[in-house]
Amino acid sequence: MNLFVGERISIATFKAQTTRHRIMGILNDEETQIVFSDTPGVLKPMSKLQNSMLAFSTSALIDADVLLYVTDPVEKVDKNNEFLEKVAKMTVPVLVLINKIDLIDEKKLVELVNQWHEALPNAEIIPVSALAKFNVQPILKRIKDLLPDAPPYFEKDQWTDKPARFFVSEIVREKILLYYDKEIPYSVEVGVESFVEDKTHIHINIVIYVERDSQKGIIIGHQGKALKKVMTEARKSLEKFFGKNIYLETFVKVDKDWRNSDKELNLFGYNPE
């Protein structure tokens, strides 16, 4: 979606469950407006947070005019059988995009294509490499061919449905995903307490929520060094994203079991409705 829209809307890391929300990216050109909806990956829920993430993914099956099912050479075809059964019953066009094909040889790719043809006989199977930008434009052309004619949903200068605060929390969370190991990134949520902007600067107060006191200590690190490093990287990315000088003030708080709290999940925007 980032490549299609030309903006870095969804954060991307090598870790699973990086995307937690359903995020819209809007592509406008002279002839068309395409609204891409990036959802979390399909998973077996182990918490109320993951239930919400799966609901975001499932909601895409209801209102999509074209479904892009993105997979890669590592993912097994039968990993998400229950979800694939729903995809197979869809009446809209389905494009299975096998991403990261630059990591495998031609023989393996042919095997994968055949496996996906067997799993989803009515789908179009398209190899792609987002990193190398291979097949990106042909896919975009195919999407345009398949989409029905309709009036634009959004203004021509709009490229997402999310507010500025959302991208602050996502960029900070991306740095946490990249810097910390094991369970820490998945126990973290980032809230934006204040966002004050003028012509050249943005002053932002954020709160990093964790579930346990021990996690708070890991996030902060010895003499605050870990948190300082992560926030420095976040500030650089935020300045690039907003094109302004960024001042970040950060607090770390313990919010026990927020991943299973309906109240907290609603506060953090994990509501698929």
Protein backbone atom coordinates (compact mmCIF):
# COMPACT_ATOMS: atom_id res chain seq x y z
CA MET A 1 0.00 0.00 0.00
CA ASN A 2 2.84 2.39 0.79
CA LEU A 3 4.22 1.86 -2.72
CA PHE A 4 0.84 2.33 -4.39
CA VAL A 5 -0.06 5.50 -2.49
CA GLY A 6 3.44 6.97 -2.53
CA GLU A 7 3.36 7.73 1.19
CA ARG A 8 4.64 5.72 4.16
CA ILE A 9 1.25 5.14 5.76
CA SER A 10 1.63 1.67 7.27
CA ILE A 11 4.64 0.87 9.44
CA ALA A 12 6.59 -2.17 8.30
CA THR A 13 9.02 -4.37 10.22
CA PHE A 14 10.25 -7.93 9.95
CA LYS A 15 8.18 -8.93 12.98
CA ALA A 16 4.75 -10.53 12.90
CA GLN A 17 1.68 -8.53 13.99
CA THR A 18 3.29 -5.21 13.12
CA THR A 19 -0.01 -3.88 11.76
CA ARG A 20 -2.73 -3.69 14.42
CA HIS A 21 -5.30 -1.37 12.86
CA ARG A 22 -7.16 -1.15 9.57
CA ILE A 23 -5.51 1.75 7.76
CA MET A 24 -6.75 3.41 4.57
CA GLY A 25 -4.38 4.74 1.94
CA ILE A 26 -5.92 6.80 -0.85
CA LEU A 27 -4.41 6.93 -4.32
CA ASN A 28 -5.56 9.81 -6.51
CA ASP A 29 -4.62 10.42 -10.12
CA GLU A 30 -6.28 12.25 -13.00
CA GLU A 31 -8.69 9.42 -13.78
CA THR A 32 -9.20 7.38 -10.63
CA GLN A 33 -9.37 7.28 -6.86
CA ILE A 34 -8.46 3.98 -5.22
CA VAL A 35 -8.96 3.44 -1.50
CA PHE A 36 -6.58 0.78 -0.20
CA SER A 37 -7.40 -0.76 3.16
CA ASP A 38 -4.39 -2.32 4.90
CA THR A 39 -5.44 -4.76 7.63
CA PRO A 40 -3.57 -6.78 10.25
CA GLY A 41 -2.34 -10.19 9.22
CA VAL A 42 -4.59 -13.16 9.84
CA LEU A 43 -3.87 -14.89 13.14
CA LYS A 44 -5.40 -17.14 15.77
CA PRO A 45 -6.47 -14.78 18.57
CA MET A 46 -4.90 -15.21 22.01
CA SER A 47 -6.22 -11.95 23.52
CA LYS A 48 -9.01 -9.42 23.05
CA LEU A 49 -6.53 -7.22 21.19
CA GLN A 50 -5.91 -10.00 18.67
CA ASN A 51 -9.66 -10.58 18.40
CA SER A 52 -9.99 -6.95 17.34
CA MET A 53 -7.12 -7.33 14.88
CA LEU A 54 -8.79 -10.35 13.28
CA ALA A 55 -12.06 -8.42 13.11
CA PHE A 56 -10.27 -5.69 11.15
CA SER A 57 -9.05 -8.34 8.68
CA THR A 58 -12.45 -10.00 8.37
CA SER A 59 -14.18 -6.66 7.79
CA ALA A 60 -12.21 -6.27 4.57
CA LEU A 61 -14.04 -9.31 3.19
CA ILE A 62 -17.35 -7.49 3.54
CA ASP A 63 -16.79 -4.18 1.78
CA ALA A 64 -13.89 -4.72 -0.63
CA ASP A 65 -14.42 -4.42 -4.39
CA VAL A 66 -11.11 -6.21 -5.00
CA LEU A 67 -9.30 -8.31 -2.41
CA LEU A 68 -5.51 -8.41 -2.33
CA TYR A 69 -4.35 -11.41 -0.28
CA VAL A 70 -0.67 -10.82 0.45
CA THR A 71 1.48 -13.81 1.31
CA ASP A 72 5.17 -14.73 1.03
CA PRO A 73 7.41 -17.79 0.51
CA VAL A 74 7.65 -18.45 4.25
CA GLU A 75 3.91 -18.61 4.95
CA LYS A 76 2.32 -22.03 4.49
CA VAL A 77 -0.69 -22.11 2.19
CA ASP A 78 -2.78 -23.93 4.78
CA LYS A 79 -1.80 -21.64 7.67
CA ASN A 80 -5.14 -19.80 7.74
CA ASN A 81 -7.58 -22.37 6.34
CA GLU A 82 -10.64 -20.96 8.09
CA PHE A 83 -9.98 -17.48 6.71
CA LEU A 84 -9.15 -18.86 3.24
CA GLU A 85 -12.50 -20.64 3.15
CA LYS A 86 -14.16 -17.25 3.51
CA VAL A 87 -11.92 -15.79 0.78
CA ALA A 88 -12.81 -18.67 -1.56
CA LYS A 89 -16.51 -17.84 -1.23
CA MET A 90 -16.08 -14.20 -2.18
CA THR A 91 -17.76 -12.98 -5.34
CA VAL A 92 -15.38 -10.04 -5.89
CA PRO A 93 -12.04 -10.52 -7.70
CA VAL A 94 -9.24 -11.93 -5.55
CA LEU A 95 -5.56 -11.32 -6.31
CA VAL A 96 -3.07 -13.43 -4.37
CA LEU A 97 0.19 -11.48 -4.20
CA ILE A 98 3.20 -13.66 -3.41
CA ASN A 99 5.59 -11.06 -2.04
CA LYS A 100 9.35 -11.35 -1.43
CA ILE A 101 9.95 -13.57 -4.47
CA ASP A 102 13.47 -12.14 -4.62
CA LEU A 103 14.25 -14.55 -1.76
CA ILE A 104 13.47 -17.77 -3.68
CA ASP A 105 14.39 -19.47 -6.94
CA GLU A 106 12.13 -20.06 -9.93
CA LYS A 107 11.39 -23.70 -9.06
CA LYS A 108 10.13 -22.80 -5.59
CA LEU A 109 8.06 -19.96 -7.04
CA VAL A 110 6.35 -22.29 -9.53
CA GLU A 111 5.52 -24.67 -6.67
CA LEU A 112 4.04 -21.83 -4.64
CA VAL A 113 1.94 -20.55 -7.53
CA ASN A 114 0.53 -24.05 -8.08
CA GLN A 115 -0.26 -24.45 -4.38
CA TRP A 116 -2.13 -21.17 -4.28
CA HIS A 117 -4.02 -22.04 -7.47
CA GLU A 118 -5.15 -25.22 -5.76
CA ALA A 119 -6.17 -23.39 -2.57
CA LEU A 120 -7.97 -20.53 -4.37
CA PRO A 121 -8.90 -21.74 -7.89
CA ASN A 122 -10.75 -18.53 -8.81
CA ALA A 123 -8.00 -16.16 -7.71
CA GLU A 124 -5.29 -14.57 -9.84
CA ILE A 125 -1.85 -15.48 -8.49
CA ILE A 126 0.74 -12.73 -9.01
CA PRO A 127 4.42 -12.90 -7.91
CA VAL A 128 5.70 -9.58 -6.59
CA SER A 129 8.66 -8.03 -4.80
CA ALA A 130 7.75 -4.82 -2.98
CA LEU A 131 11.42 -4.33 -2.11
CA ALA A 132 12.54 -4.52 -5.75
CA LYS A 133 9.29 -2.91 -6.96
CA PHE A 134 8.77 -5.89 -9.26
CA ASN A 135 5.24 -6.21 -10.70
CA VAL A 136 3.93 -3.27 -8.65
CA GLN A 137 2.72 -1.21 -11.61
CA PRO A 138 1.12 -4.19 -13.43
CA ILE A 139 -0.79 -5.01 -10.24
CA LEU A 140 -1.97 -1.41 -9.99
CA LYS A 141 -3.16 -1.52 -13.58
CA ARG A 142 -5.00 -4.77 -12.92
CA ILE A 143 -6.71 -3.25 -9.88
CA LYS A 144 -7.90 -0.30 -11.96
CA ASP A 145 -9.29 -2.70 -14.58
CA LEU A 146 -11.23 -4.63 -11.93
CA LEU A 147 -12.66 -1.78 -9.86
CA PRO A 148 -16.27 -0.73 -10.54
CA ASP A 149 -17.08 2.83 -11.58
CA ALA A 150 -18.19 5.00 -8.66
CA PRO A 151 -17.90 8.59 -7.42
CA PRO A 152 -14.84 9.38 -5.27
CA TYR A 153 -15.29 8.84 -1.53
CA PHE A 154 -12.62 11.32 -0.45
CA GLU A 155 -11.21 14.71 -1.46
CA LYS A 156 -8.53 14.59 -4.15
CA ASP A 157 -5.79 15.87 -1.83
CA GLN A 158 -6.51 13.33 0.92
CA TRP A 159 -4.24 10.27 1.18
CA THR A 160 -5.40 8.57 4.38
CA ASP A 161 -8.31 8.41 6.80
CA LYS A 162 -6.13 8.58 9.92
CA PRO A 163 -5.30 11.73 11.95
CA ALA A 164 -1.79 12.99 12.68
CA ARG A 165 -1.79 11.56 16.21
CA PHE A 166 -2.26 8.06 14.82
CA PHE A 167 0.96 8.27 12.83
CA VAL A 168 2.85 9.53 15.85
CA SER A 169 1.84 6.48 17.88
CA GLU A 170 2.53 4.11 14.98
CA ILE A 171 6.00 5.51 14.26
CA VAL A 172 6.98 5.27 17.93
CA ARG A 173 5.59 1.73 18.09
CA GLU A 174 7.59 0.82 14.97
CA LYS A 175 10.83 1.86 16.69
CA ILE A 176 9.89 -0.19 19.74
CA LEU A 177 9.26 -3.21 17.50
CA LEU A 178 12.67 -2.79 15.92
CA TYR A 179 14.65 -2.12 19.10
CA TYR A 180 13.20 -4.49 21.70
CA ASP A 181 13.03 -8.30 21.62
CA LYS A 182 10.62 -11.06 22.58
CA GLU A 183 7.34 -10.09 24.24
CA ILE A 184 8.12 -6.43 24.94
CA PRO A 185 6.88 -4.91 21.63
CA TYR A 186 3.62 -6.88 21.81
CA SER A 187 2.93 -5.69 25.36
CA VAL A 188 3.28 -2.04 24.36
CA GLU A 189 0.76 0.54 23.25
CA VAL A 190 1.53 4.20 22.51
CA GLY A 191 -0.86 7.01 23.35
CA VAL A 192 -0.55 10.66 22.30
CA GLU A 193 -1.45 12.97 25.19
CA SER A 194 -0.95 16.24 23.31
CA PHE A 195 -0.06 17.40 19.80
CA VAL A 196 0.61 21.13 19.46
CA GLU A 197 1.70 22.39 16.04
CA ASP A 198 2.89 25.72 14.71
CA LYS A 199 4.48 26.71 11.40
CA THR A 200 7.87 25.11 12.04
CA HIS A 201 7.55 22.92 15.16
CA ILE A 202 5.39 20.22 16.68
CA HIS A 203 5.40 19.59 20.45
CA ILE A 204 4.22 16.07 21.28
CA ASN A 205 3.65 14.36 24.63
CA ILE A 206 3.35 10.58 24.41
CA VAL A 207 2.75 7.79 26.89
CA ILE A 208 4.16 4.30 26.36
CA TYR A 209 1.93 1.78 28.11
CA VAL A 210 3.27 -1.60 29.24
CA GLU A 211 1.64 -4.41 31.23
CA ARG A 212 4.21 -5.01 33.98
CA ASP A 213 6.76 -3.10 36.05
CA SER A 214 9.56 -5.30 34.69
CA GLN A 215 8.61 -4.27 31.14
CA LYS A 216 8.74 -0.61 32.16
CA GLY A 217 12.30 -1.13 33.34
CA ILE A 218 13.29 -2.77 30.06
CA ILE A 219 11.70 0.01 27.99
CA ILE A 220 13.55 2.71 29.93
CA GLY A 221 16.82 0.79 30.18
CA HIS A 222 19.86 1.50 32.33
CA GLN A 223 20.02 5.22 33.07
CA GLY A 224 17.29 5.74 30.46
CA LYS A 225 19.60 4.87 27.57
CA ALA A 226 17.25 2.45 25.79
CA LEU A 227 14.31 4.86 25.82
CA LYS A 228 16.52 7.76 24.73
CA LYS A 229 17.79 5.80 21.72
CA VAL A 230 14.31 4.74 20.63
CA MET A 231 12.90 8.25 21.01
CA THR A 232 15.81 9.72 19.05
CA GLU A 233 15.04 7.38 16.14
CA ALA A 234 11.32 8.12 16.46
CA ARG A 235 11.93 11.86 16.41
CA LYS A 236 14.01 11.57 13.21
CA SER A 237 11.24 9.62 11.48
CA LEU A 238 8.56 11.99 12.72
CA GLU A 239 10.49 15.01 11.42
CA LYS A 240 10.77 13.34 8.03
CA PHE A 241 7.07 12.43 8.06
CA PHE A 242 5.75 15.86 9.10
CA GLY A 243 8.51 18.02 7.61
CA LYS A 244 8.89 19.99 10.85
CA ASN A 245 11.06 20.06 13.95
CA ILE A 246 9.71 17.66 16.56
CA TYR A 247 9.90 17.97 20.35
CA LEU A 248 9.02 14.71 22.10
CA GLU A 249 8.23 14.31 25.78
CA THR A 250 7.81 10.68 26.82
CA PHE A 251 6.38 8.89 29.83
CA VAL A 252 6.20 5.15 30.49
CA LYS A 253 3.22 3.82 32.46
CA VAL A 254 2.08 0.39 33.60
CA ASP A 255 -1.46 -0.54 32.52
CA LYS A 256 -1.92 -4.14 33.56
CA ASP A 257 -3.56 -6.47 31.05
CA TRP A 258 -4.61 -3.67 28.68
CA ARG A 259 -4.70 -6.20 25.83
CA ASN A 260 -7.74 -7.85 27.43
CA SER A 261 -9.53 -4.73 28.66
CA ASP A 262 -12.52 -3.63 26.56
CA LYS A 263 -12.29 -0.13 28.00
CA GLU A 264 -8.60 0.27 27.16
CA LEU A 265 -8.91 -1.29 23.71
CA ASN A 266 -11.73 1.10 22.88
CA LEU A 267 -9.60 4.02 24.12
CA PHE A 268 -6.72 2.91 21.87
CA GLY A 269 -8.99 2.66 18.83
CA TYR A 270 -9.25 -1.13 18.53
CA ASN A 271 -12.85 -1.05 17.51
CA PRO A 272 -13.58 -2.51 14.04
CA GLU A 273 -16.93 -0.79 13.75
